[in-house]
Amino acid sequence: MRKRAPASKIKVLLVDDHPLVREGIRACLAKHKKVTVVGEAADGLEAISKAAALSPDIVLLDISMPKMNGVEVTKILRKKHPAVKILLLTMHENRTYIVQAARTGANGYVLKDAPPRELLHALEAVHRGETYFSNSATQVIVSDYTKGETASTSSRQALTQRETEVLKLISEGLSNKEIASQIQVSVRTVETHRERVMRKLNIHSAPGLTKYALSIGLTNIS
């Protein structure tokens, strides 16, 4: 019987301006066989350079850094390296940072005081193509859209039938892989539809898409 090839590790670029913080996070991740830290950066400019040189799967990124903050880095990486996932790991729990992170296309947002198992779960979810925002961050985003900061009617009408179908399945909590299986397309095709939906609606998080789908009656999940 042919042995199954071992699953490749999630390659992480660790970005934080505090050496002790980087050392602690690296030590935490070193305990998990699914993750490997391929490099470190101490500021935003170095993060962009290292991302280009190392091609990580995920950039684990702090927000408050010298030279260029994490939100600005996210914007640049989204344009230059769209395949790279971005998970913000920060001490900031305020609305401004959370909303900025979602709108600039970050794939996740986790607080530094989260337990190690949550960070690992977030890395795995983001690596699968999902979006992971901590519970407190999700509440802020949903509240933001509840106050009326949703997409316009014209944007909603711009969605194709397939994009609307993908939006509905996202709002029901299905992963990219599950959606691909249900509508019988590749995972990459689902990722493309997901990116187009987010761009057209100007909503860059799964909680935001879910709230939007609820607001237009596309889904009735509570």
N, C-alpha and C. Protein backbone atom coordinates (compact mmCIF):
# COMPACT_ATOMS: atom_id res chain seq x y z
N MET A 1 0.84 -1.19 0.00
CA MET A 1 0.00 0.00 0.00
C MET A 1 0.88 1.25 0.00
N ARG A 2 0.57 2.18 -0.90
CA ARG A 2 1.36 3.41 -1.00
C ARG A 2 1.07 4.30 0.20
N LYS A 3 2.15 4.80 0.79
CA LYS A 3 1.99 5.68 1.94
C LYS A 3 1.50 7.05 1.49
N ARG A 4 0.62 7.62 2.29
CA ARG A 4 0.11 8.95 1.99
C ARG A 4 1.19 9.98 2.26
N ALA A 5 1.38 10.89 1.33
CA ALA A 5 2.41 11.93 1.50
C ALA A 5 2.02 12.84 2.65
N PRO A 6 3.00 13.19 3.50
CA PRO A 6 2.68 14.07 4.63
C PRO A 6 2.20 15.43 4.16
N ALA A 7 1.24 15.98 4.88
CA ALA A 7 0.69 17.29 4.51
C ALA A 7 1.78 18.35 4.69
N SER A 8 1.85 19.28 3.75
CA SER A 8 2.85 20.33 3.84
C SER A 8 2.50 21.28 4.99
N LYS A 9 3.53 21.81 5.61
CA LYS A 9 3.30 22.72 6.74
C LYS A 9 2.85 24.09 6.25
N ILE A 10 2.14 24.79 7.13
CA ILE A 10 1.72 26.16 6.84
C ILE A 10 2.93 27.06 7.07
N LYS A 11 3.36 27.73 6.02
CA LYS A 11 4.54 28.60 6.11
C LYS A 11 4.12 30.00 6.57
N VAL A 12 4.68 30.42 7.70
CA VAL A 12 4.28 31.67 8.32
C VAL A 12 5.44 32.66 8.35
N LEU A 13 5.17 33.89 7.94
CA LEU A 13 6.11 35.00 8.13
C LEU A 13 5.63 35.78 9.35
N LEU A 14 6.47 35.87 10.36
CA LEU A 14 6.11 36.49 11.63
C LEU A 14 6.59 37.93 11.66
N VAL A 15 5.66 38.88 11.84
CA VAL A 15 6.00 40.30 11.78
C VAL A 15 5.56 41.01 13.06
N ASP A 16 6.55 41.49 13.82
CA ASP A 16 6.28 42.25 15.04
C ASP A 16 7.55 43.02 15.38
N ASP A 17 7.41 44.24 15.87
CA ASP A 17 8.59 45.06 16.13
C ASP A 17 9.25 44.76 17.47
N HIS A 18 8.67 43.85 18.25
CA HIS A 18 9.26 43.50 19.55
C HIS A 18 9.91 42.11 19.47
N PRO A 19 11.22 42.02 19.62
CA PRO A 19 11.91 40.72 19.52
C PRO A 19 11.40 39.68 20.51
N LEU A 20 11.09 40.10 21.73
CA LEU A 20 10.61 39.15 22.73
C LEU A 20 9.24 38.59 22.35
N VAL A 21 8.40 39.43 21.74
CA VAL A 21 7.10 38.96 21.29
C VAL A 21 7.27 37.94 20.17
N ARG A 22 8.14 38.26 19.20
CA ARG A 22 8.40 37.32 18.10
C ARG A 22 8.94 36.00 18.63
N GLU A 23 9.83 36.09 19.59
CA GLU A 23 10.41 34.87 20.16
C GLU A 23 9.34 34.02 20.84
N GLY A 24 8.44 34.69 21.56
CA GLY A 24 7.37 33.95 22.25
C GLY A 24 6.40 33.30 21.28
N ILE A 25 6.03 34.02 20.23
CA ILE A 25 5.10 33.47 19.24
C ILE A 25 5.76 32.32 18.48
N ARG A 26 7.04 32.50 18.12
CA ARG A 26 7.76 31.44 17.42
C ARG A 26 7.82 30.17 18.28
N ALA A 27 8.11 30.34 19.56
CA ALA A 27 8.17 29.19 20.47
C ALA A 27 6.82 28.51 20.57
N CYS A 28 5.76 29.30 20.59
CA CYS A 28 4.40 28.75 20.65
C CYS A 28 4.09 27.94 19.39
N LEU A 29 4.41 28.49 18.23
CA LEU A 29 4.10 27.82 16.98
C LEU A 29 4.98 26.61 16.75
N ALA A 30 6.19 26.62 17.32
CA ALA A 30 7.12 25.50 17.13
C ALA A 30 6.58 24.20 17.73
N LYS A 31 5.60 24.31 18.63
CA LYS A 31 5.03 23.12 19.26
C LYS A 31 4.06 22.39 18.35
N HIS A 32 3.68 23.03 17.24
CA HIS A 32 2.66 22.45 16.37
C HIS A 32 3.28 21.98 15.05
N LYS A 33 3.02 20.74 14.71
CA LYS A 33 3.62 20.14 13.52
C LYS A 33 3.08 20.73 12.22
N LYS A 34 1.93 21.37 12.29
CA LYS A 34 1.30 21.87 11.06
C LYS A 34 1.86 23.22 10.61
N VAL A 35 2.66 23.87 11.47
CA VAL A 35 3.10 25.24 11.20
C VAL A 35 4.61 25.34 11.25
N THR A 36 5.18 26.12 10.35
CA THR A 36 6.60 26.44 10.41
C THR A 36 6.81 27.93 10.13
N VAL A 37 7.63 28.57 10.94
CA VAL A 37 7.94 29.99 10.76
C VAL A 37 9.12 30.07 9.79
N VAL A 38 8.89 30.63 8.61
CA VAL A 38 9.93 30.68 7.57
C VAL A 38 10.75 31.97 7.62
N GLY A 39 10.30 32.94 8.42
CA GLY A 39 11.05 34.18 8.52
C GLY A 39 10.40 35.14 9.49
N GLU A 40 11.14 36.20 9.81
CA GLU A 40 10.64 37.23 10.72
C GLU A 40 10.94 38.61 10.15
N ALA A 41 10.13 39.58 10.54
CA ALA A 41 10.35 40.97 10.15
C ALA A 41 10.00 41.86 11.34
N ALA A 42 10.71 43.00 11.45
CA ALA A 42 10.54 43.87 12.60
C ALA A 42 9.79 45.16 12.29
N ASP A 43 9.47 45.40 11.01
CA ASP A 43 8.70 46.59 10.66
C ASP A 43 7.95 46.33 9.36
N GLY A 44 7.10 47.28 8.98
CA GLY A 44 6.25 47.09 7.82
C GLY A 44 6.99 46.94 6.51
N LEU A 45 8.02 47.77 6.31
CA LEU A 45 8.78 47.70 5.06
C LEU A 45 9.50 46.37 4.93
N GLU A 46 10.07 45.90 6.03
CA GLU A 46 10.75 44.60 6.01
C GLU A 46 9.76 43.48 5.75
N ALA A 47 8.54 43.63 6.27
CA ALA A 47 7.51 42.62 6.05
C ALA A 47 7.20 42.46 4.57
N ILE A 48 7.08 43.58 3.87
CA ILE A 48 6.79 43.52 2.43
C ILE A 48 7.94 42.88 1.67
N SER A 49 9.17 43.23 2.04
CA SER A 49 10.36 42.65 1.40
C SER A 49 10.45 41.15 1.66
N LYS A 50 10.24 40.73 2.90
CA LYS A 50 10.34 39.32 3.25
C LYS A 50 9.20 38.51 2.62
N ALA A 51 8.04 39.10 2.50
CA ALA A 51 6.92 38.39 1.88
C ALA A 51 7.24 38.07 0.42
N ALA A 52 7.89 39.00 -0.27
CA ALA A 52 8.27 38.78 -1.66
C ALA A 52 9.37 37.73 -1.78
N ALA A 53 10.29 37.74 -0.83
CA ALA A 53 11.44 36.83 -0.89
C ALA A 53 11.11 35.41 -0.44
N LEU A 54 10.23 35.27 0.54
CA LEU A 54 9.98 33.97 1.17
C LEU A 54 8.70 33.27 0.71
N SER A 55 7.80 34.00 0.08
CA SER A 55 6.52 33.44 -0.37
C SER A 55 5.81 32.63 0.72
N PRO A 56 5.54 33.23 1.85
CA PRO A 56 4.84 32.50 2.92
C PRO A 56 3.38 32.24 2.54
N ASP A 57 2.78 31.27 3.21
CA ASP A 57 1.34 31.06 3.04
C ASP A 57 0.56 32.14 3.77
N ILE A 58 1.07 32.49 4.96
CA ILE A 58 0.39 33.47 5.82
C ILE A 58 1.39 34.46 6.39
N VAL A 59 1.04 35.74 6.39
CA VAL A 59 1.81 36.74 7.11
C VAL A 59 1.07 37.01 8.41
N LEU A 60 1.72 36.67 9.52
CA LEU A 60 1.16 36.91 10.86
C LEU A 60 1.67 38.27 11.30
N LEU A 61 0.77 39.25 11.32
CA LEU A 61 1.17 40.65 11.27
C LEU A 61 0.63 41.47 12.43
N ASP A 62 1.53 42.21 13.09
CA ASP A 62 1.10 43.15 14.12
C ASP A 62 0.58 44.43 13.44
N ILE A 63 -0.20 45.23 14.13
CA ILE A 63 -0.71 46.48 13.55
C ILE A 63 0.22 47.65 13.84
N SER A 64 0.58 47.85 15.11
CA SER A 64 1.40 49.00 15.48
C SER A 64 2.87 48.68 15.29
N MET A 65 3.45 49.23 14.20
CA MET A 65 4.86 48.98 13.89
C MET A 65 5.49 50.24 13.31
N PRO A 66 6.81 50.38 13.41
CA PRO A 66 7.48 51.53 12.81
C PRO A 66 7.52 51.44 11.30
N LYS A 67 7.72 52.59 10.67
CA LYS A 67 7.88 52.74 9.22
C LYS A 67 6.58 52.55 8.45
N MET A 68 5.84 51.49 8.76
CA MET A 68 4.56 51.26 8.09
C MET A 68 3.73 50.33 8.96
N ASN A 69 2.48 50.74 9.28
CA ASN A 69 1.69 49.90 10.18
C ASN A 69 1.05 48.72 9.45
N GLY A 70 0.46 47.84 10.22
CA GLY A 70 -0.07 46.60 9.66
C GLY A 70 -1.19 46.78 8.66
N VAL A 71 -2.02 47.80 8.85
CA VAL A 71 -3.11 48.06 7.90
C VAL A 71 -2.54 48.47 6.55
N GLU A 72 -1.52 49.34 6.56
CA GLU A 72 -0.90 49.76 5.31
C GLU A 72 -0.20 48.60 4.63
N VAL A 73 0.45 47.76 5.42
CA VAL A 73 1.12 46.57 4.87
C VAL A 73 0.09 45.65 4.21
N THR A 74 -1.05 45.50 4.86
CA THR A 74 -2.11 44.66 4.32
C THR A 74 -2.56 45.15 2.95
N LYS A 75 -2.75 46.46 2.82
CA LYS A 75 -3.18 47.02 1.54
C LYS A 75 -2.18 46.70 0.44
N ILE A 76 -0.89 46.85 0.73
CA ILE A 76 0.14 46.62 -0.28
C ILE A 76 0.25 45.14 -0.63
N LEU A 77 0.22 44.28 0.38
CA LEU A 77 0.32 42.84 0.11
C LEU A 77 -0.88 42.33 -0.68
N ARG A 78 -2.06 42.89 -0.42
CA ARG A 78 -3.24 42.48 -1.17
C ARG A 78 -3.07 42.75 -2.67
N LYS A 79 -2.37 43.85 -2.99
CA LYS A 79 -2.16 44.20 -4.39
C LYS A 79 -1.00 43.43 -5.01
N LYS A 80 0.12 43.36 -4.27
CA LYS A 80 1.33 42.75 -4.83
C LYS A 80 1.35 41.22 -4.74
N HIS A 81 0.78 40.68 -3.69
CA HIS A 81 0.82 39.23 -3.46
C HIS A 81 -0.56 38.74 -3.01
N PRO A 82 -1.54 38.77 -3.89
CA PRO A 82 -2.93 38.43 -3.50
C PRO A 82 -3.09 37.00 -2.98
N ALA A 83 -2.17 36.11 -3.32
CA ALA A 83 -2.30 34.72 -2.86
C ALA A 83 -1.88 34.55 -1.41
N VAL A 84 -1.12 35.50 -0.89
CA VAL A 84 -0.66 35.42 0.49
C VAL A 84 -1.79 35.82 1.44
N LYS A 85 -2.03 35.00 2.45
CA LYS A 85 -3.06 35.31 3.44
C LYS A 85 -2.48 36.20 4.53
N ILE A 86 -3.32 37.02 5.11
CA ILE A 86 -2.86 37.96 6.15
C ILE A 86 -3.70 37.78 7.40
N LEU A 87 -3.03 37.45 8.49
CA LEU A 87 -3.69 37.30 9.79
C LEU A 87 -3.09 38.33 10.74
N LEU A 88 -3.92 39.27 11.17
CA LEU A 88 -3.46 40.29 12.10
C LEU A 88 -3.51 39.76 13.53
N LEU A 89 -2.39 39.88 14.22
CA LEU A 89 -2.29 39.47 15.62
C LEU A 89 -1.91 40.72 16.41
N THR A 90 -2.83 41.24 17.20
CA THR A 90 -2.63 42.56 17.78
C THR A 90 -3.22 42.68 19.17
N MET A 91 -2.78 43.71 19.88
CA MET A 91 -3.34 44.00 21.20
C MET A 91 -4.55 44.92 21.09
N HIS A 92 -4.78 45.47 19.90
CA HIS A 92 -5.84 46.47 19.72
C HIS A 92 -7.21 45.82 19.52
N GLU A 93 -8.17 46.24 20.32
CA GLU A 93 -9.53 45.71 20.24
C GLU A 93 -10.53 46.81 19.88
N ASN A 94 -10.03 47.97 19.45
CA ASN A 94 -10.96 49.06 19.16
C ASN A 94 -11.54 48.95 17.75
N ARG A 95 -12.68 49.59 17.57
CA ARG A 95 -13.45 49.48 16.34
C ARG A 95 -12.67 49.93 15.11
N THR A 96 -11.93 51.03 15.24
CA THR A 96 -11.23 51.60 14.08
C THR A 96 -10.31 50.59 13.43
N TYR A 97 -9.46 49.95 14.23
CA TYR A 97 -8.52 48.98 13.68
C TYR A 97 -9.23 47.76 13.09
N ILE A 98 -10.25 47.30 13.78
CA ILE A 98 -10.96 46.09 13.34
C ILE A 98 -11.64 46.34 11.99
N VAL A 99 -12.34 47.46 11.87
CA VAL A 99 -13.03 47.78 10.63
C VAL A 99 -12.03 48.02 9.50
N GLN A 100 -10.94 48.72 9.79
CA GLN A 100 -9.90 48.94 8.79
C GLN A 100 -9.33 47.62 8.30
N ALA A 101 -9.10 46.71 9.22
CA ALA A 101 -8.55 45.41 8.86
C ALA A 101 -9.49 44.67 7.91
N ALA A 102 -10.78 44.68 8.24
CA ALA A 102 -11.76 43.99 7.41
C ALA A 102 -11.86 44.63 6.03
N ARG A 103 -11.87 45.95 5.99
CA ARG A 103 -12.06 46.65 4.72
C ARG A 103 -10.83 46.58 3.81
N THR A 104 -9.65 46.42 4.38
CA THR A 104 -8.45 46.33 3.55
C THR A 104 -8.16 44.92 3.08
N GLY A 105 -8.97 43.96 3.53
CA GLY A 105 -8.83 42.62 3.00
C GLY A 105 -8.05 41.64 3.85
N ALA A 106 -7.84 41.95 5.14
CA ALA A 106 -7.18 40.99 6.02
C ALA A 106 -8.03 39.73 6.13
N ASN A 107 -7.38 38.59 6.19
CA ASN A 107 -8.10 37.31 6.27
C ASN A 107 -8.48 36.94 7.69
N GLY A 108 -7.90 37.65 8.66
CA GLY A 108 -8.24 37.33 10.04
C GLY A 108 -7.71 38.37 11.01
N TYR A 109 -8.23 38.31 12.23
CA TYR A 109 -7.89 39.29 13.27
C TYR A 109 -7.99 38.58 14.61
N VAL A 110 -6.84 38.42 15.27
CA VAL A 110 -6.81 37.73 16.56
C VAL A 110 -6.07 38.60 17.57
N LEU A 111 -6.56 38.62 18.80
CA LEU A 111 -5.93 39.42 19.85
C LEU A 111 -4.76 38.66 20.47
N LYS A 112 -3.76 39.41 20.91
CA LYS A 112 -2.57 38.79 21.47
C LYS A 112 -2.82 38.07 22.80
N ASP A 113 -3.92 38.41 23.45
CA ASP A 113 -4.21 37.71 24.71
C ASP A 113 -5.04 36.44 24.48
N ALA A 114 -5.25 36.07 23.23
CA ALA A 114 -5.99 34.84 22.92
C ALA A 114 -5.14 33.63 23.30
N PRO A 115 -5.78 32.52 23.66
CA PRO A 115 -5.03 31.31 23.98
C PRO A 115 -4.33 30.76 22.73
N PRO A 116 -3.21 30.08 22.90
CA PRO A 116 -2.46 29.54 21.75
C PRO A 116 -3.30 28.70 20.81
N ARG A 117 -4.25 27.94 21.36
CA ARG A 117 -5.07 27.08 20.50
C ARG A 117 -5.93 27.90 19.54
N GLU A 118 -6.34 29.12 19.97
CA GLU A 118 -7.13 29.96 19.07
C GLU A 118 -6.27 30.48 17.93
N LEU A 119 -5.03 30.84 18.23
CA LEU A 119 -4.12 31.30 17.17
C LEU A 119 -3.90 30.18 16.16
N LEU A 120 -3.68 28.97 16.62
CA LEU A 120 -3.48 27.85 15.70
C LEU A 120 -4.73 27.61 14.87
N HIS A 121 -5.89 27.67 15.51
CA HIS A 121 -7.15 27.49 14.79
C HIS A 121 -7.32 28.57 13.73
N ALA A 122 -6.96 29.79 14.07
CA ALA A 122 -7.07 30.89 13.12
C ALA A 122 -6.14 30.68 11.93
N LEU A 123 -4.92 30.25 12.18
CA LEU A 123 -3.96 29.98 11.11
C LEU A 123 -4.47 28.90 10.17
N GLU A 124 -5.02 27.84 10.73
CA GLU A 124 -5.53 26.74 9.92
C GLU A 124 -6.73 27.19 9.08
N ALA A 125 -7.62 27.97 9.70
CA ALA A 125 -8.82 28.45 8.99
C ALA A 125 -8.42 29.36 7.83
N VAL A 126 -7.53 30.30 8.10
CA VAL A 126 -7.08 31.23 7.06
C VAL A 126 -6.36 30.48 5.94
N HIS A 127 -5.58 29.49 6.31
CA HIS A 127 -4.85 28.70 5.31
C HIS A 127 -5.82 27.94 4.40
N ARG A 128 -6.97 27.54 4.93
CA ARG A 128 -7.98 26.84 4.13
C ARG A 128 -8.75 27.80 3.21
N GLY A 129 -8.50 29.08 3.34
CA GLY A 129 -9.21 30.06 2.52
C GLY A 129 -10.39 30.68 3.22
N GLU A 130 -10.55 30.41 4.50
CA GLU A 130 -11.64 30.99 5.27
C GLU A 130 -11.19 32.29 5.92
N THR A 131 -12.13 32.98 6.52
CA THR A 131 -11.84 34.21 7.25
C THR A 131 -12.03 33.94 8.73
N TYR A 132 -11.09 34.41 9.56
CA TYR A 132 -11.21 34.17 11.00
C TYR A 132 -11.03 35.49 11.74
N PHE A 133 -12.11 35.94 12.37
CA PHE A 133 -12.04 37.11 13.25
C PHE A 133 -12.45 36.64 14.65
N SER A 134 -11.71 37.09 15.67
CA SER A 134 -12.05 36.71 17.04
C SER A 134 -13.47 37.15 17.36
N ASN A 135 -14.04 36.58 18.40
CA ASN A 135 -15.43 36.87 18.74
C ASN A 135 -15.68 38.37 18.94
N SER A 136 -14.79 39.03 19.65
CA SER A 136 -14.99 40.46 19.92
C SER A 136 -14.89 41.26 18.62
N ALA A 137 -13.97 40.88 17.73
CA ALA A 137 -13.84 41.58 16.46
C ALA A 137 -15.07 41.36 15.58
N THR A 138 -15.60 40.15 15.61
CA THR A 138 -16.79 39.84 14.83
C THR A 138 -17.97 40.68 15.29
N GLN A 139 -18.12 40.85 16.59
CA GLN A 139 -19.22 41.65 17.13
C GLN A 139 -19.13 43.10 16.66
N VAL A 140 -17.91 43.63 16.59
CA VAL A 140 -17.72 45.00 16.13
C VAL A 140 -18.13 45.13 14.67
N ILE A 141 -17.73 44.16 13.84
CA ILE A 141 -18.04 44.23 12.41
C ILE A 141 -19.54 44.10 12.18
N VAL A 142 -20.17 43.17 12.84
CA VAL A 142 -21.61 42.98 12.68
C VAL A 142 -22.36 44.23 13.14
N SER A 143 -21.92 44.81 14.25
CA SER A 143 -22.54 46.03 14.74
C SER A 143 -22.39 47.16 13.73
N ASP A 144 -21.24 47.21 13.10
CA ASP A 144 -20.96 48.25 12.11
C ASP A 144 -21.95 48.18 10.95
N TYR A 145 -22.20 46.95 10.48
CA TYR A 145 -23.13 46.80 9.36
C TYR A 145 -24.58 46.95 9.81
N THR A 146 -24.85 46.64 11.07
CA THR A 146 -26.20 46.82 11.60
C THR A 146 -26.58 48.30 11.57
N LYS A 147 -25.61 49.17 11.73
CA LYS A 147 -25.87 50.61 11.73
C LYS A 147 -26.05 51.18 10.34
N GLY A 148 -25.98 50.31 9.35
CA GLY A 148 -26.29 50.79 8.01
C GLY A 148 -25.13 50.86 7.05
N GLU A 149 -23.94 50.46 7.47
CA GLU A 149 -22.78 50.53 6.59
C GLU A 149 -22.70 49.27 5.74
N THR A 150 -23.72 49.07 4.94
CA THR A 150 -23.77 47.92 4.05
C THR A 150 -23.62 48.40 2.62
N ALA A 151 -23.55 47.45 1.68
CA ALA A 151 -23.36 47.81 0.28
C ALA A 151 -24.63 48.42 -0.29
N SER A 152 -24.49 49.19 -1.36
CA SER A 152 -25.62 49.84 -2.00
C SER A 152 -26.42 48.84 -2.83
N THR A 153 -27.65 49.24 -3.20
CA THR A 153 -28.51 48.39 -4.02
C THR A 153 -27.87 48.12 -5.37
N SER A 154 -27.22 49.13 -5.95
CA SER A 154 -26.59 48.94 -7.25
C SER A 154 -25.48 47.92 -7.18
N SER A 155 -24.73 47.90 -6.08
CA SER A 155 -23.67 46.90 -5.93
C SER A 155 -24.26 45.52 -5.83
N ARG A 156 -25.38 45.40 -5.07
CA ARG A 156 -26.00 44.10 -4.92
C ARG A 156 -26.47 43.56 -6.27
N GLN A 157 -27.00 44.42 -7.09
CA GLN A 157 -27.50 43.98 -8.38
C GLN A 157 -26.37 43.55 -9.32
N ALA A 158 -25.11 43.97 -8.99
CA ALA A 158 -23.98 43.63 -9.83
C ALA A 158 -23.53 42.18 -9.65
N LEU A 159 -24.02 41.51 -8.63
CA LEU A 159 -23.64 40.12 -8.40
C LEU A 159 -24.27 39.21 -9.46
N THR A 160 -23.48 38.26 -9.95
CA THR A 160 -24.04 37.28 -10.86
C THR A 160 -24.83 36.24 -10.08
N GLN A 161 -25.53 35.38 -10.77
CA GLN A 161 -26.31 34.34 -10.10
C GLN A 161 -25.39 33.42 -9.30
N ARG A 162 -24.24 33.07 -9.89
CA ARG A 162 -23.30 32.19 -9.19
C ARG A 162 -22.70 32.88 -7.98
N GLU A 163 -22.38 34.17 -8.10
CA GLU A 163 -21.82 34.90 -6.97
C GLU A 163 -22.84 35.02 -5.84
N THR A 164 -24.11 35.20 -6.19
CA THR A 164 -25.16 35.25 -5.19
C THR A 164 -25.28 33.91 -4.46
N GLU A 165 -25.15 32.83 -5.23
CA GLU A 165 -25.21 31.49 -4.64
C GLU A 165 -24.05 31.28 -3.66
N VAL A 166 -22.86 31.71 -4.06
CA VAL A 166 -21.69 31.58 -3.19
C VAL A 166 -21.85 32.43 -1.93
N LEU A 167 -22.38 33.65 -2.09
CA LEU A 167 -22.64 34.52 -0.95
C LEU A 167 -23.58 33.83 0.05
N LYS A 168 -24.62 33.21 -0.45
CA LYS A 168 -25.58 32.53 0.42
C LYS A 168 -24.90 31.40 1.21
N LEU A 169 -24.06 30.63 0.53
CA LEU A 169 -23.39 29.51 1.18
C LEU A 169 -22.35 29.99 2.19
N ILE A 170 -21.69 31.09 1.88
CA ILE A 170 -20.75 31.68 2.84
C ILE A 170 -21.50 32.08 4.10
N SER A 171 -22.67 32.70 3.92
CA SER A 171 -23.46 33.17 5.06
C SER A 171 -23.97 32.01 5.90
N GLU A 172 -24.03 30.82 5.31
CA GLU A 172 -24.47 29.63 6.04
C GLU A 172 -23.31 28.94 6.75
N GLY A 173 -22.12 29.53 6.65
CA GLY A 173 -20.97 29.02 7.39
C GLY A 173 -20.16 27.95 6.69
N LEU A 174 -20.40 27.72 5.39
CA LEU A 174 -19.66 26.69 4.67
C LEU A 174 -18.27 27.18 4.32
N SER A 175 -17.30 26.28 4.37
CA SER A 175 -15.94 26.60 3.97
C SER A 175 -15.84 26.61 2.45
N ASN A 176 -14.74 27.11 1.93
CA ASN A 176 -14.54 27.11 0.47
C ASN A 176 -14.61 25.70 -0.10
N LYS A 177 -14.02 24.75 0.61
CA LYS A 177 -14.03 23.36 0.15
C LYS A 177 -15.46 22.80 0.12
N GLU A 178 -16.24 23.11 1.14
CA GLU A 178 -17.62 22.62 1.20
C GLU A 178 -18.47 23.26 0.10
N ILE A 179 -18.24 24.55 -0.15
CA ILE A 179 -18.98 25.22 -1.21
C ILE A 179 -18.63 24.62 -2.56
N ALA A 180 -17.34 24.37 -2.78
CA ALA A 180 -16.89 23.79 -4.04
C ALA A 180 -17.55 22.44 -4.29
N SER A 181 -17.65 21.64 -3.24
CA SER A 181 -18.28 20.32 -3.37
C SER A 181 -19.77 20.46 -3.68
N GLN A 182 -20.42 21.42 -3.05
CA GLN A 182 -21.87 21.56 -3.22
C GLN A 182 -22.25 22.07 -4.60
N ILE A 183 -21.47 23.03 -5.14
CA ILE A 183 -21.83 23.58 -6.45
C ILE A 183 -20.99 22.98 -7.57
N GLN A 184 -20.14 21.99 -7.19
CA GLN A 184 -19.38 21.19 -8.15
C GLN A 184 -18.43 22.02 -9.01
N VAL A 185 -17.60 22.80 -8.33
CA VAL A 185 -16.53 23.53 -8.99
C VAL A 185 -15.27 23.36 -8.15
N SER A 186 -14.15 23.88 -8.62
CA SER A 186 -12.91 23.77 -7.87
C SER A 186 -12.88 24.76 -6.72
N VAL A 187 -12.03 24.47 -5.73
CA VAL A 187 -11.88 25.38 -4.60
C VAL A 187 -11.37 26.74 -5.08
N ARG A 188 -10.46 26.70 -6.05
CA ARG A 188 -9.93 27.95 -6.59
C ARG A 188 -11.03 28.81 -7.23
N THR A 189 -11.98 28.15 -7.89
CA THR A 189 -13.09 28.89 -8.50
C THR A 189 -13.94 29.55 -7.42
N VAL A 190 -14.16 28.83 -6.33
CA VAL A 190 -14.92 29.40 -5.21
C VAL A 190 -14.18 30.61 -4.64
N GLU A 191 -12.86 30.48 -4.48
CA GLU A 191 -12.07 31.60 -3.96
C GLU A 191 -12.21 32.83 -4.87
N THR A 192 -12.21 32.59 -6.17
CA THR A 192 -12.36 33.69 -7.13
C THR A 192 -13.72 34.36 -6.98
N HIS A 193 -14.79 33.53 -6.89
CA HIS A 193 -16.14 34.09 -6.69
C HIS A 193 -16.21 34.88 -5.39
N ARG A 194 -15.59 34.33 -4.34
CA ARG A 194 -15.61 34.98 -3.03
C ARG A 194 -14.93 36.35 -3.11
N GLU A 195 -13.78 36.41 -3.77
CA GLU A 195 -13.05 37.66 -3.90
C GLU A 195 -13.87 38.69 -4.68
N ARG A 196 -14.56 38.23 -5.73
CA ARG A 196 -15.38 39.15 -6.54
C ARG A 196 -16.56 39.69 -5.74
N VAL A 197 -17.18 38.81 -4.95
CA VAL A 197 -18.31 39.24 -4.12
C VAL A 197 -17.85 40.31 -3.12
N MET A 198 -16.73 40.05 -2.47
CA MET A 198 -16.21 41.00 -1.49
C MET A 198 -15.88 42.34 -2.14
N ARG A 199 -15.29 42.29 -3.33
CA ARG A 199 -14.92 43.52 -4.01
C ARG A 199 -16.16 44.29 -4.46
N LYS A 200 -17.14 43.60 -5.02
CA LYS A 200 -18.34 44.28 -5.51
C LYS A 200 -19.15 44.90 -4.38
N LEU A 201 -19.21 44.20 -3.26
CA LEU A 201 -20.01 44.69 -2.14
C LEU A 201 -19.21 45.59 -1.20
N ASN A 202 -17.89 45.61 -1.41
CA ASN A 202 -17.00 46.35 -0.51
C ASN A 202 -17.15 45.87 0.93
N ILE A 203 -17.26 44.56 1.06
CA ILE A 203 -17.35 43.92 2.37
C ILE A 203 -16.25 42.86 2.40
N HIS A 204 -15.33 42.97 3.36
CA HIS A 204 -14.14 42.13 3.30
C HIS A 204 -13.99 41.18 4.48
N SER A 205 -15.10 40.69 4.98
CA SER A 205 -15.04 39.71 6.06
C SER A 205 -16.26 38.79 5.96
N ALA A 206 -16.10 37.55 6.41
CA ALA A 206 -17.22 36.62 6.41
C ALA A 206 -18.37 37.09 7.30
N PRO A 207 -18.08 37.63 8.51
CA PRO A 207 -19.20 38.15 9.32
C PRO A 207 -19.97 39.26 8.61
N GLY A 208 -19.22 40.14 7.91
CA GLY A 208 -19.89 41.21 7.18
C GLY A 208 -20.76 40.68 6.06
N LEU A 209 -20.27 39.68 5.33
CA LEU A 209 -21.06 39.07 4.25
C LEU A 209 -22.30 38.39 4.81
N THR A 210 -22.14 37.74 5.96
CA THR A 210 -23.28 37.06 6.59
C THR A 210 -24.35 38.07 7.00
N LYS A 211 -23.93 39.17 7.61
CA LYS A 211 -24.88 40.20 8.02
C LYS A 211 -25.58 40.79 6.81
N TYR A 212 -24.83 40.99 5.73
CA TYR A 212 -25.42 41.54 4.51
C TYR A 212 -26.45 40.58 3.93
N ALA A 213 -26.10 39.29 3.88
CA ALA A 213 -27.03 38.28 3.34
C ALA A 213 -28.32 38.25 4.16
N LEU A 214 -28.19 38.40 5.48
CA LEU A 214 -29.36 38.44 6.36
C LEU A 214 -30.21 39.68 6.07
N SER A 215 -29.53 40.82 5.85
CA SER A 215 -30.25 42.08 5.67
C SER A 215 -31.06 42.11 4.39
N ILE A 216 -30.64 41.34 3.38
CA ILE A 216 -31.39 41.34 2.11
C ILE A 216 -32.29 40.11 1.96
N GLY A 217 -32.35 39.31 3.03
CA GLY A 217 -33.24 38.15 3.01
C GLY A 217 -32.71 36.98 2.21
N LEU A 218 -31.40 36.97 1.94
CA LEU A 218 -30.83 35.87 1.15
C LEU A 218 -30.72 34.61 2.00
N THR A 219 -30.59 34.78 3.30
CA THR A 219 -30.53 33.65 4.21
C THR A 219 -31.29 34.04 5.48
N ASN A 220 -31.77 33.04 6.19
CA ASN A 220 -32.51 33.33 7.43
C ASN A 220 -31.85 32.68 8.63
N ILE A 221 -30.54 32.42 8.51
CA ILE A 221 -29.82 31.80 9.62
C ILE A 221 -29.76 32.78 10.78
N SER A 222 -30.00 32.28 11.95
CA SER A 222 -29.96 33.15 13.14
C SER A 222 -28.61 33.07 13.81
